[in-house]
Amino acid sequence: MKNQFKRSIRFSLSIAVITFVLAALFSVVSTLLLEGVLWYFGILVVLGIVLIGVMFDMLGIASTAADEVPLNAMASNKVYGARQAIIIVKNADKFASFCNDVIGDISGIVSGTASAFVVLQLTLGIGFQQESTMHTTVSVIFTSVVAALTVGGKALGKYFAIHASTSIILFAGKVIAFLEDKLHLKLLPDLKKSR
């Protein structure tokens, strides 16, 4: 019990550090993308951030719902990415925490900040003052649309994550296998260590 608690503390601390670094990276990238661009390009950036959050939320849910048995069969038949998919399923708690809590939450926060930036660009570009009623109206409408797309997208993603979890995780395994092959990085732990 003591060892599990220590591992949990270590994992929590490492996730906190990773979250800090990724949040800073997301913020810098979104700020650079939004700086000096027209409001409609800014809307595309916000939608892209929302889509990232939805996709990672779906991956996190799928990792907890995926069935390991067909993945084992695929791995024995040397299906590309099946070994990585098995590692994801065996570490579903950590994978889901990373996808849902780290990437998903960061996406939500950054999309909110980016939305405020886009609303400011849009209203000032049209000629409204920042304190005006029109600015407030545009802000409320745009924020509501982004929130609706985020929540609706995540609800739809959850449906697919539950009903096609094994296929989704196999696809994730293939993407990770490809990145490991091309970048010569070890993105997942060894299968023996993950048990």
N, C-alpha and C. Protein backbone atom coordinates (compact mmCIF):
# COMPACT_ATOMS: atom_id res chain seq x y z
N MET A 1 0.82 -1.20 0.00
CA MET A 1 0.00 0.00 0.00
C MET A 1 0.87 1.26 0.00
N LYS A 2 1.96 1.22 0.80
CA LYS A 2 2.86 2.36 0.88
C LYS A 2 3.53 2.62 -0.47
N ASN A 3 3.96 1.54 -1.15
CA ASN A 3 4.61 1.68 -2.45
C ASN A 3 3.65 2.25 -3.48
N GLN A 4 2.39 1.82 -3.46
CA GLN A 4 1.40 2.35 -4.40
C GLN A 4 1.18 3.84 -4.16
N PHE A 5 1.14 4.24 -2.89
CA PHE A 5 0.96 5.65 -2.56
C PHE A 5 2.14 6.47 -3.07
N LYS A 6 3.36 5.94 -2.86
CA LYS A 6 4.56 6.65 -3.34
C LYS A 6 4.54 6.77 -4.86
N ARG A 7 4.15 5.69 -5.55
CA ARG A 7 4.07 5.73 -7.02
C ARG A 7 3.02 6.75 -7.46
N SER A 8 1.91 6.79 -6.74
CA SER A 8 0.84 7.72 -7.06
C SER A 8 1.32 9.17 -6.89
N ILE A 9 2.04 9.42 -5.81
CA ILE A 9 2.59 10.77 -5.57
C ILE A 9 3.58 11.14 -6.68
N ARG A 10 4.47 10.20 -7.02
CA ARG A 10 5.45 10.45 -8.08
C ARG A 10 4.76 10.75 -9.41
N PHE A 11 3.74 9.93 -9.74
CA PHE A 11 3.01 10.14 -10.99
C PHE A 11 2.30 11.49 -10.96
N SER A 12 1.67 11.84 -9.86
CA SER A 12 0.97 13.12 -9.74
C SER A 12 1.91 14.30 -9.91
N LEU A 13 3.09 14.21 -9.30
CA LEU A 13 4.08 15.28 -9.45
C LEU A 13 4.58 15.39 -10.88
N SER A 14 4.84 14.23 -11.51
CA SER A 14 5.33 14.27 -12.89
C SER A 14 4.25 14.82 -13.82
N ILE A 15 2.99 14.46 -13.58
CA ILE A 15 1.89 14.99 -14.40
C ILE A 15 1.76 16.50 -14.20
N ALA A 16 1.96 16.97 -12.97
CA ALA A 16 1.88 18.40 -12.70
C ALA A 16 2.97 19.16 -13.47
N VAL A 17 4.18 18.61 -13.49
CA VAL A 17 5.30 19.24 -14.21
C VAL A 17 5.02 19.23 -15.71
N ILE A 18 4.56 18.08 -16.23
CA ILE A 18 4.25 17.97 -17.65
C ILE A 18 3.14 18.95 -18.02
N THR A 19 2.14 19.07 -17.16
CA THR A 19 1.03 20.00 -17.41
C THR A 19 1.54 21.43 -17.47
N PHE A 20 2.41 21.80 -16.54
CA PHE A 20 2.98 23.14 -16.53
C PHE A 20 3.70 23.43 -17.85
N VAL A 21 4.54 22.51 -18.28
CA VAL A 21 5.32 22.69 -19.51
C VAL A 21 4.40 22.75 -20.73
N LEU A 22 3.46 21.81 -20.83
CA LEU A 22 2.56 21.79 -21.98
C LEU A 22 1.63 23.00 -22.01
N ALA A 23 1.17 23.43 -20.85
CA ALA A 23 0.30 24.62 -20.80
C ALA A 23 1.06 25.85 -21.29
N ALA A 24 2.30 25.98 -20.86
CA ALA A 24 3.13 27.09 -21.33
C ALA A 24 3.33 27.01 -22.84
N LEU A 25 3.61 25.80 -23.32
CA LEU A 25 3.83 25.59 -24.76
C LEU A 25 2.56 25.91 -25.56
N PHE A 26 1.41 25.37 -25.11
CA PHE A 26 0.13 25.66 -25.78
C PHE A 26 -0.15 27.16 -25.81
N SER A 27 0.08 27.82 -24.67
CA SER A 27 -0.19 29.25 -24.58
C SER A 27 0.69 30.05 -25.52
N VAL A 28 1.98 29.72 -25.55
CA VAL A 28 2.92 30.43 -26.42
C VAL A 28 2.55 30.22 -27.88
N VAL A 29 2.28 28.97 -28.25
CA VAL A 29 1.94 28.66 -29.65
C VAL A 29 0.65 29.35 -30.06
N SER A 30 -0.39 29.27 -29.20
CA SER A 30 -1.66 29.90 -29.57
C SER A 30 -1.52 31.42 -29.64
N THR A 31 -0.73 32.01 -28.74
CA THR A 31 -0.50 33.46 -28.77
C THR A 31 0.23 33.86 -30.04
N LEU A 32 1.26 33.07 -30.42
CA LEU A 32 1.99 33.37 -31.65
C LEU A 32 1.10 33.23 -32.87
N LEU A 33 0.23 32.21 -32.87
CA LEU A 33 -0.67 32.01 -34.00
C LEU A 33 -1.72 33.11 -34.10
N LEU A 34 -2.15 33.64 -32.95
CA LEU A 34 -3.22 34.63 -32.95
C LEU A 34 -2.72 36.07 -33.11
N GLU A 35 -1.45 36.29 -32.82
CA GLU A 35 -0.93 37.65 -32.86
C GLU A 35 -0.89 38.18 -34.28
N GLY A 36 -1.56 39.29 -34.48
CA GLY A 36 -1.49 39.97 -35.77
C GLY A 36 -2.29 39.30 -36.88
N VAL A 37 -3.14 38.33 -36.57
CA VAL A 37 -3.94 37.69 -37.62
C VAL A 37 -5.36 38.25 -37.58
N LEU A 38 -6.05 38.03 -38.65
CA LEU A 38 -7.44 38.47 -38.71
C LEU A 38 -8.31 37.58 -37.85
N TRP A 39 -9.44 38.12 -37.39
CA TRP A 39 -10.30 37.42 -36.44
C TRP A 39 -10.79 36.08 -36.96
N TYR A 40 -11.05 35.97 -38.26
CA TYR A 40 -11.57 34.70 -38.78
C TYR A 40 -10.51 33.60 -38.75
N PHE A 41 -9.24 33.95 -38.89
CA PHE A 41 -8.18 32.96 -38.72
C PHE A 41 -8.09 32.57 -37.23
N GLY A 42 -8.30 33.54 -36.37
CA GLY A 42 -8.32 33.28 -34.94
C GLY A 42 -9.41 32.29 -34.56
N ILE A 43 -10.57 32.42 -35.21
CA ILE A 43 -11.66 31.46 -34.96
C ILE A 43 -11.21 30.05 -35.33
N LEU A 44 -10.50 29.91 -36.45
CA LEU A 44 -9.99 28.59 -36.86
C LEU A 44 -9.01 28.03 -35.84
N VAL A 45 -8.17 28.90 -35.28
CA VAL A 45 -7.22 28.46 -34.25
C VAL A 45 -7.98 27.97 -33.01
N VAL A 46 -9.00 28.72 -32.60
CA VAL A 46 -9.80 28.32 -31.44
C VAL A 46 -10.48 26.98 -31.71
N LEU A 47 -11.06 26.82 -32.90
CA LEU A 47 -11.70 25.55 -33.25
C LEU A 47 -10.71 24.40 -33.28
N GLY A 48 -9.49 24.67 -33.73
CA GLY A 48 -8.44 23.65 -33.71
C GLY A 48 -8.09 23.23 -32.29
N ILE A 49 -8.01 24.18 -31.39
CA ILE A 49 -7.72 23.87 -29.99
C ILE A 49 -8.84 23.05 -29.38
N VAL A 50 -10.09 23.42 -29.69
CA VAL A 50 -11.25 22.66 -29.20
C VAL A 50 -11.19 21.23 -29.74
N LEU A 51 -10.88 21.08 -31.01
CA LEU A 51 -10.80 19.75 -31.63
C LEU A 51 -9.73 18.89 -30.97
N ILE A 52 -8.60 19.49 -30.63
CA ILE A 52 -7.54 18.74 -29.92
C ILE A 52 -8.07 18.24 -28.59
N GLY A 53 -8.75 19.10 -27.85
CA GLY A 53 -9.33 18.70 -26.57
C GLY A 53 -10.32 17.57 -26.70
N VAL A 54 -11.19 17.65 -27.72
CA VAL A 54 -12.20 16.61 -27.96
C VAL A 54 -11.53 15.28 -28.33
N MET A 55 -10.54 15.33 -29.21
CA MET A 55 -9.87 14.10 -29.65
C MET A 55 -9.14 13.42 -28.49
N PHE A 56 -8.44 14.19 -27.68
CA PHE A 56 -7.72 13.59 -26.56
C PHE A 56 -8.66 13.08 -25.49
N ASP A 57 -9.79 13.74 -25.30
CA ASP A 57 -10.79 13.24 -24.37
C ASP A 57 -11.31 11.88 -24.84
N MET A 58 -11.55 11.77 -26.14
CA MET A 58 -12.01 10.51 -26.72
C MET A 58 -10.96 9.41 -26.54
N LEU A 59 -9.70 9.74 -26.75
CA LEU A 59 -8.62 8.76 -26.57
C LEU A 59 -8.55 8.28 -25.13
N GLY A 60 -8.69 9.20 -24.19
CA GLY A 60 -8.62 8.83 -22.78
C GLY A 60 -9.74 7.88 -22.39
N ILE A 61 -10.96 8.18 -22.84
CA ILE A 61 -12.10 7.30 -22.54
C ILE A 61 -11.91 5.95 -23.23
N ALA A 62 -11.48 5.97 -24.48
CA ALA A 62 -11.30 4.71 -25.23
C ALA A 62 -10.27 3.81 -24.57
N SER A 63 -9.24 4.39 -23.99
CA SER A 63 -8.20 3.56 -23.35
C SER A 63 -8.76 2.79 -22.17
N THR A 64 -9.74 3.35 -21.48
CA THR A 64 -10.33 2.65 -20.33
C THR A 64 -11.39 1.65 -20.75
N ALA A 65 -11.94 1.80 -21.96
CA ALA A 65 -13.01 0.92 -22.42
C ALA A 65 -12.52 -0.17 -23.38
N ALA A 66 -11.29 -0.04 -23.89
CA ALA A 66 -10.80 -0.98 -24.92
C ALA A 66 -10.62 -2.39 -24.37
N ASP A 67 -10.83 -3.36 -25.24
CA ASP A 67 -10.70 -4.77 -24.89
C ASP A 67 -9.30 -5.25 -25.29
N GLU A 68 -8.58 -5.77 -24.32
CA GLU A 68 -7.20 -6.19 -24.57
C GLU A 68 -7.10 -7.48 -25.38
N VAL A 69 -8.11 -8.34 -25.32
CA VAL A 69 -8.05 -9.66 -25.97
C VAL A 69 -7.82 -9.55 -27.48
N PRO A 70 -8.63 -8.77 -28.23
CA PRO A 70 -8.36 -8.68 -29.67
C PRO A 70 -7.02 -8.01 -29.98
N LEU A 71 -6.58 -7.12 -29.11
CA LEU A 71 -5.28 -6.48 -29.33
C LEU A 71 -4.14 -7.48 -29.16
N ASN A 72 -4.30 -8.40 -28.18
CA ASN A 72 -3.30 -9.48 -28.02
C ASN A 72 -3.24 -10.35 -29.26
N ALA A 73 -4.41 -10.66 -29.82
CA ALA A 73 -4.45 -11.47 -31.04
C ALA A 73 -3.76 -10.74 -32.19
N MET A 74 -4.02 -9.45 -32.30
CA MET A 74 -3.39 -8.65 -33.36
C MET A 74 -1.88 -8.57 -33.17
N ALA A 75 -1.46 -8.41 -31.91
CA ALA A 75 -0.02 -8.34 -31.63
C ALA A 75 0.66 -9.65 -31.98
N SER A 76 -0.01 -10.78 -31.72
CA SER A 76 0.59 -12.08 -32.07
C SER A 76 0.67 -12.26 -33.58
N ASN A 77 -0.22 -11.57 -34.32
CA ASN A 77 -0.17 -11.59 -35.79
C ASN A 77 0.69 -10.46 -36.35
N LYS A 78 1.41 -9.79 -35.47
CA LYS A 78 2.35 -8.71 -35.84
C LYS A 78 1.65 -7.53 -36.53
N VAL A 79 0.43 -7.22 -36.10
CA VAL A 79 -0.27 -6.05 -36.63
C VAL A 79 0.45 -4.80 -36.11
N TYR A 80 0.76 -3.91 -37.04
CA TYR A 80 1.52 -2.71 -36.70
C TYR A 80 0.74 -1.88 -35.68
N GLY A 81 1.39 -1.53 -34.58
CA GLY A 81 0.80 -0.69 -33.55
C GLY A 81 0.05 -1.45 -32.46
N ALA A 82 -0.18 -2.74 -32.66
CA ALA A 82 -0.96 -3.51 -31.66
C ALA A 82 -0.21 -3.61 -30.33
N ARG A 83 1.11 -3.75 -30.38
CA ARG A 83 1.89 -3.83 -29.14
C ARG A 83 1.77 -2.53 -28.35
N GLN A 84 1.84 -1.41 -29.06
CA GLN A 84 1.69 -0.10 -28.40
C GLN A 84 0.26 0.06 -27.85
N ALA A 85 -0.73 -0.46 -28.59
CA ALA A 85 -2.12 -0.39 -28.12
C ALA A 85 -2.31 -1.18 -26.83
N ILE A 86 -1.65 -2.32 -26.72
CA ILE A 86 -1.72 -3.13 -25.50
C ILE A 86 -1.12 -2.36 -24.33
N ILE A 87 -0.01 -1.69 -24.57
CA ILE A 87 0.63 -0.90 -23.51
C ILE A 87 -0.31 0.21 -23.05
N ILE A 88 -1.00 0.84 -24.00
CA ILE A 88 -1.96 1.89 -23.66
C ILE A 88 -3.06 1.32 -22.76
N VAL A 89 -3.61 0.17 -23.14
CA VAL A 89 -4.70 -0.43 -22.36
C VAL A 89 -4.21 -0.85 -20.98
N LYS A 90 -3.01 -1.41 -20.90
CA LYS A 90 -2.46 -1.84 -19.61
C LYS A 90 -2.18 -0.65 -18.69
N ASN A 91 -1.96 0.50 -19.27
CA ASN A 91 -1.70 1.73 -18.51
C ASN A 91 -2.83 2.73 -18.70
N ALA A 92 -4.04 2.22 -18.81
CA ALA A 92 -5.20 3.07 -19.14
C ALA A 92 -5.39 4.20 -18.13
N ASP A 93 -5.14 3.94 -16.85
CA ASP A 93 -5.33 5.00 -15.85
C ASP A 93 -4.40 6.18 -16.11
N LYS A 94 -3.15 5.89 -16.40
CA LYS A 94 -2.17 6.97 -16.65
C LYS A 94 -2.42 7.63 -18.01
N PHE A 95 -2.72 6.80 -19.01
CA PHE A 95 -2.98 7.33 -20.35
C PHE A 95 -4.21 8.23 -20.34
N ALA A 96 -5.28 7.78 -19.67
CA ALA A 96 -6.51 8.57 -19.58
C ALA A 96 -6.26 9.86 -18.79
N SER A 97 -5.49 9.77 -17.74
CA SER A 97 -5.17 10.95 -16.96
C SER A 97 -4.43 11.98 -17.82
N PHE A 98 -3.47 11.50 -18.61
CA PHE A 98 -2.72 12.40 -19.48
C PHE A 98 -3.63 13.01 -20.54
N CYS A 99 -4.41 12.16 -21.22
CA CYS A 99 -5.26 12.65 -22.31
C CYS A 99 -6.38 13.56 -21.81
N ASN A 100 -7.11 13.10 -20.79
CA ASN A 100 -8.27 13.85 -20.32
C ASN A 100 -7.89 15.04 -19.45
N ASP A 101 -7.02 14.78 -18.48
CA ASP A 101 -6.72 15.82 -17.50
C ASP A 101 -5.66 16.80 -17.99
N VAL A 102 -4.63 16.29 -18.62
CA VAL A 102 -3.55 17.20 -19.05
C VAL A 102 -3.94 17.90 -20.34
N ILE A 103 -4.02 17.13 -21.43
CA ILE A 103 -4.29 17.76 -22.74
C ILE A 103 -5.70 18.33 -22.79
N GLY A 104 -6.69 17.58 -22.32
CA GLY A 104 -8.07 18.05 -22.36
C GLY A 104 -8.28 19.33 -21.59
N ASP A 105 -7.79 19.38 -20.37
CA ASP A 105 -7.97 20.57 -19.54
C ASP A 105 -7.17 21.76 -20.06
N ILE A 106 -5.95 21.50 -20.51
CA ILE A 106 -5.15 22.58 -21.09
C ILE A 106 -5.86 23.16 -22.31
N SER A 107 -6.41 22.29 -23.14
CA SER A 107 -7.13 22.76 -24.34
C SER A 107 -8.30 23.64 -23.95
N GLY A 108 -9.02 23.24 -22.91
CA GLY A 108 -10.15 24.04 -22.45
C GLY A 108 -9.74 25.42 -21.98
N ILE A 109 -8.66 25.47 -21.21
CA ILE A 109 -8.17 26.75 -20.68
C ILE A 109 -7.64 27.63 -21.81
N VAL A 110 -6.84 27.05 -22.70
CA VAL A 110 -6.24 27.83 -23.78
C VAL A 110 -7.31 28.28 -24.77
N SER A 111 -8.31 27.43 -25.03
CA SER A 111 -9.38 27.85 -25.96
C SER A 111 -10.17 29.01 -25.37
N GLY A 112 -10.34 29.04 -24.04
CA GLY A 112 -11.01 30.16 -23.40
C GLY A 112 -10.23 31.45 -23.54
N THR A 113 -8.92 31.36 -23.32
CA THR A 113 -8.06 32.53 -23.47
C THR A 113 -8.03 33.00 -24.92
N ALA A 114 -7.90 32.04 -25.84
CA ALA A 114 -7.87 32.38 -27.26
C ALA A 114 -9.19 32.98 -27.70
N SER A 115 -10.29 32.48 -27.15
CA SER A 115 -11.62 33.04 -27.48
C SER A 115 -11.70 34.50 -27.09
N ALA A 116 -11.21 34.82 -25.91
CA ALA A 116 -11.23 36.22 -25.45
C ALA A 116 -10.40 37.10 -26.39
N PHE A 117 -9.28 36.58 -26.85
CA PHE A 117 -8.41 37.31 -27.78
C PHE A 117 -9.13 37.55 -29.11
N VAL A 118 -9.81 36.51 -29.61
CA VAL A 118 -10.53 36.62 -30.89
C VAL A 118 -11.69 37.61 -30.76
N VAL A 119 -12.43 37.54 -29.66
CA VAL A 119 -13.55 38.47 -29.45
C VAL A 119 -13.04 39.90 -29.43
N LEU A 120 -11.93 40.13 -28.76
CA LEU A 120 -11.35 41.48 -28.71
C LEU A 120 -10.98 41.96 -30.11
N GLN A 121 -10.31 41.08 -30.89
CA GLN A 121 -9.94 41.44 -32.27
C GLN A 121 -11.18 41.72 -33.11
N LEU A 122 -12.18 40.86 -32.98
CA LEU A 122 -13.39 40.99 -33.78
C LEU A 122 -14.13 42.30 -33.47
N THR A 123 -14.36 42.56 -32.19
CA THR A 123 -15.14 43.76 -31.83
C THR A 123 -14.37 45.05 -32.11
N LEU A 124 -13.07 45.03 -31.84
CA LEU A 124 -12.29 46.24 -32.13
C LEU A 124 -12.14 46.45 -33.63
N GLY A 125 -12.06 45.34 -34.38
CA GLY A 125 -11.96 45.42 -35.84
C GLY A 125 -13.23 46.00 -36.45
N ILE A 126 -14.36 45.70 -35.85
CA ILE A 126 -15.63 46.23 -36.33
C ILE A 126 -15.80 47.69 -35.89
N GLY A 127 -15.11 48.05 -34.82
CA GLY A 127 -15.17 49.44 -34.35
C GLY A 127 -15.90 49.62 -33.04
N PHE A 128 -16.17 48.53 -32.32
CA PHE A 128 -16.84 48.65 -31.03
C PHE A 128 -15.80 48.84 -29.93
N GLN A 129 -16.18 49.60 -28.94
CA GLN A 129 -15.31 49.79 -27.78
C GLN A 129 -15.34 48.54 -26.91
N GLN A 130 -14.24 48.31 -26.18
CA GLN A 130 -14.13 47.11 -25.35
C GLN A 130 -15.21 47.05 -24.27
N GLU A 131 -15.66 48.20 -23.78
CA GLU A 131 -16.66 48.22 -22.72
C GLU A 131 -18.09 48.28 -23.26
N SER A 132 -18.27 48.24 -24.55
CA SER A 132 -19.60 48.43 -25.14
C SER A 132 -20.50 47.20 -24.95
N THR A 133 -21.79 47.43 -25.13
CA THR A 133 -22.77 46.35 -25.05
C THR A 133 -22.54 45.34 -26.16
N MET A 134 -22.18 45.82 -27.34
CA MET A 134 -21.94 44.92 -28.47
C MET A 134 -20.74 44.01 -28.20
N HIS A 135 -19.70 44.55 -27.60
CA HIS A 135 -18.54 43.72 -27.24
C HIS A 135 -18.97 42.61 -26.28
N THR A 136 -19.75 42.97 -25.28
CA THR A 136 -20.23 41.99 -24.30
C THR A 136 -21.09 40.94 -24.98
N THR A 137 -21.97 41.37 -25.89
CA THR A 137 -22.85 40.45 -26.59
C THR A 137 -22.05 39.46 -27.45
N VAL A 138 -21.10 39.97 -28.21
CA VAL A 138 -20.26 39.11 -29.05
C VAL A 138 -19.47 38.14 -28.17
N SER A 139 -18.96 38.64 -27.05
CA SER A 139 -18.19 37.80 -26.14
C SER A 139 -19.03 36.66 -25.58
N VAL A 140 -20.24 36.97 -25.15
CA VAL A 140 -21.12 35.94 -24.59
C VAL A 140 -21.49 34.92 -25.66
N ILE A 141 -21.84 35.37 -26.86
CA ILE A 141 -22.23 34.46 -27.94
C ILE A 141 -21.06 33.57 -28.34
N PHE A 142 -19.89 34.17 -28.55
CA PHE A 142 -18.72 33.39 -29.01
C PHE A 142 -18.29 32.38 -27.93
N THR A 143 -18.25 32.81 -26.68
CA THR A 143 -17.87 31.92 -25.59
C THR A 143 -18.87 30.77 -25.46
N SER A 144 -20.15 31.07 -25.64
CA SER A 144 -21.19 30.04 -25.56
C SER A 144 -21.06 29.03 -26.70
N VAL A 145 -20.75 29.52 -27.89
CA VAL A 145 -20.57 28.62 -29.04
C VAL A 145 -19.37 27.71 -28.82
N VAL A 146 -18.27 28.28 -28.33
CA VAL A 146 -17.07 27.47 -28.07
C VAL A 146 -17.37 26.43 -26.98
N ALA A 147 -18.07 26.82 -25.93
CA ALA A 147 -18.42 25.89 -24.86
C ALA A 147 -19.33 24.78 -25.40
N ALA A 148 -20.32 25.15 -26.22
CA ALA A 148 -21.24 24.16 -26.80
C ALA A 148 -20.50 23.18 -27.70
N LEU A 149 -19.58 23.69 -28.52
CA LEU A 149 -18.80 22.81 -29.40
C LEU A 149 -17.91 21.88 -28.58
N THR A 150 -17.33 22.39 -27.51
CA THR A 150 -16.47 21.57 -26.66
C THR A 150 -17.27 20.47 -25.99
N VAL A 151 -18.36 20.83 -25.34
CA VAL A 151 -19.15 19.84 -24.60
C VAL A 151 -19.84 18.87 -25.56
N GLY A 152 -20.42 19.40 -26.63
CA GLY A 152 -21.07 18.53 -27.63
C GLY A 152 -20.07 17.61 -28.30
N GLY A 153 -18.90 18.15 -28.63
CA GLY A 153 -17.86 17.32 -29.25
C GLY A 153 -17.38 16.23 -28.33
N LYS A 154 -17.22 16.55 -27.05
CA LYS A 154 -16.78 15.54 -26.09
C LYS A 154 -17.85 14.48 -25.88
N ALA A 155 -19.12 14.88 -25.90
CA ALA A 155 -20.21 13.90 -25.76
C ALA A 155 -20.21 12.94 -26.95
N LEU A 156 -20.05 13.47 -28.15
CA LEU A 156 -19.98 12.62 -29.34
C LEU A 156 -18.73 11.74 -29.30
N GLY A 157 -17.62 12.33 -28.87
CA GLY A 157 -16.37 11.57 -28.74
C GLY A 157 -16.50 10.42 -27.75
N LYS A 158 -17.21 10.65 -26.66
CA LYS A 158 -17.43 9.59 -25.67
C LYS A 158 -18.22 8.44 -26.27
N TYR A 159 -19.21 8.76 -27.10
CA TYR A 159 -19.99 7.72 -27.76
C TYR A 159 -19.07 6.83 -28.59
N PHE A 160 -18.24 7.46 -29.43
CA PHE A 160 -17.32 6.68 -30.26
C PHE A 160 -16.29 5.95 -29.40
N ALA A 161 -15.82 6.61 -28.34
CA ALA A 161 -14.81 6.00 -27.47
C ALA A 161 -15.33 4.72 -26.83
N ILE A 162 -16.60 4.71 -26.47
CA ILE A 162 -17.17 3.52 -25.83
C ILE A 162 -17.51 2.45 -26.85
N HIS A 163 -18.03 2.84 -28.02
CA HIS A 163 -18.50 1.87 -29.00
C HIS A 163 -17.44 1.41 -30.00
N ALA A 164 -16.34 2.13 -30.10
CA ALA A 164 -15.27 1.73 -31.02
C ALA A 164 -13.91 1.84 -30.34
N SER A 165 -13.89 1.54 -29.03
CA SER A 165 -12.68 1.78 -28.23
C SER A 165 -11.46 1.01 -28.73
N THR A 166 -11.64 -0.25 -29.07
CA THR A 166 -10.49 -1.06 -29.49
C THR A 166 -9.90 -0.53 -30.79
N SER A 167 -10.76 -0.16 -31.74
CA SER A 167 -10.27 0.39 -33.01
C SER A 167 -9.56 1.73 -32.80
N ILE A 168 -10.12 2.55 -31.93
CA ILE A 168 -9.51 3.87 -31.65
C ILE A 168 -8.14 3.69 -31.02
N ILE A 169 -8.04 2.77 -30.06
CA ILE A 169 -6.75 2.56 -29.40
C ILE A 169 -5.75 1.89 -30.33
N LEU A 170 -6.22 1.03 -31.22
CA LEU A 170 -5.31 0.46 -32.22
C LEU A 170 -4.77 1.56 -33.12
N PHE A 171 -5.64 2.49 -33.53
CA PHE A 171 -5.19 3.62 -34.34
C PHE A 171 -4.16 4.45 -33.57
N ALA A 172 -4.44 4.71 -32.29
CA ALA A 172 -3.47 5.45 -31.45
C ALA A 172 -2.16 4.69 -31.36
N GLY A 173 -2.24 3.36 -31.22
CA GLY A 173 -1.04 2.54 -31.18
C GLY A 173 -0.23 2.65 -32.46
N LYS A 174 -0.93 2.69 -33.60
CA LYS A 174 -0.24 2.83 -34.90
C LYS A 174 0.45 4.19 -35.00
N VAL A 175 -0.24 5.24 -34.54
CA VAL A 175 0.36 6.58 -34.57
C VAL A 175 1.60 6.61 -33.68
N ILE A 176 1.50 6.05 -32.49
CA ILE A 176 2.65 6.03 -31.58
C ILE A 176 3.78 5.19 -32.15
N ALA A 177 3.46 4.04 -32.74
CA ALA A 177 4.49 3.19 -33.36
C ALA A 177 5.19 3.94 -34.49
N PHE A 178 4.42 4.66 -35.29
CA PHE A 178 4.99 5.44 -36.39
C PHE A 178 5.93 6.52 -35.84
N LEU A 179 5.47 7.24 -34.80
CA LEU A 179 6.31 8.29 -34.21
C LEU A 179 7.57 7.71 -33.58
N GLU A 180 7.43 6.56 -32.92
CA GLU A 180 8.61 5.91 -32.33
C GLU A 180 9.60 5.49 -33.40
N ASP A 181 9.09 4.97 -34.52
CA ASP A 181 9.96 4.54 -35.62
C ASP A 181 10.65 5.73 -36.28
N LYS A 182 9.89 6.77 -36.56
CA LYS A 182 10.43 7.92 -37.31
C LYS A 182 11.29 8.84 -36.46
N LEU A 183 10.89 9.03 -35.19
CA LEU A 183 11.63 9.95 -34.33
C LEU A 183 12.68 9.25 -33.45
N HIS A 184 12.67 7.93 -33.51
CA HIS A 184 13.58 7.12 -32.68
C HIS A 184 13.47 7.48 -31.21
N LEU A 185 12.21 7.66 -30.75
CA LEU A 185 11.93 7.96 -29.36
C LEU A 185 11.14 6.82 -28.75
N LYS A 186 11.25 6.68 -27.44
CA LYS A 186 10.45 5.69 -26.72
C LYS A 186 9.33 6.45 -26.03
N LEU A 187 8.13 6.43 -26.62
CA LEU A 187 7.01 7.19 -26.08
C LEU A 187 6.23 6.43 -25.01
N LEU A 188 6.29 5.10 -25.05
CA LEU A 188 5.57 4.27 -24.09
C LEU A 188 6.54 3.37 -23.35
N PRO A 189 6.19 2.94 -22.14
CA PRO A 189 7.07 2.03 -21.41
C PRO A 189 7.09 0.66 -22.08
N ASP A 190 8.08 -0.15 -21.70
CA ASP A 190 8.13 -1.51 -22.23
C ASP A 190 6.92 -2.28 -21.74
N LEU A 191 6.52 -3.29 -22.51
CA LEU A 191 5.35 -4.08 -22.17
C LEU A 191 5.53 -4.80 -20.83
N LYS A 192 6.75 -5.28 -20.56
CA LYS A 192 7.01 -5.99 -19.30
C LYS A 192 6.88 -5.05 -18.10
N LYS A 193 7.31 -3.80 -18.25
CA LYS A 193 7.25 -2.83 -17.16
C LYS A 193 5.83 -2.37 -16.90
N SER A 194 4.97 -2.44 -17.93
CA SER A 194 3.61 -1.92 -17.78
C SER A 194 2.68 -2.87 -17.05
N ARG A 195 3.13 -4.08 -16.77
CA ARG A 195 2.26 -5.05 -16.10
C ARG A 195 2.23 -4.84 -14.61
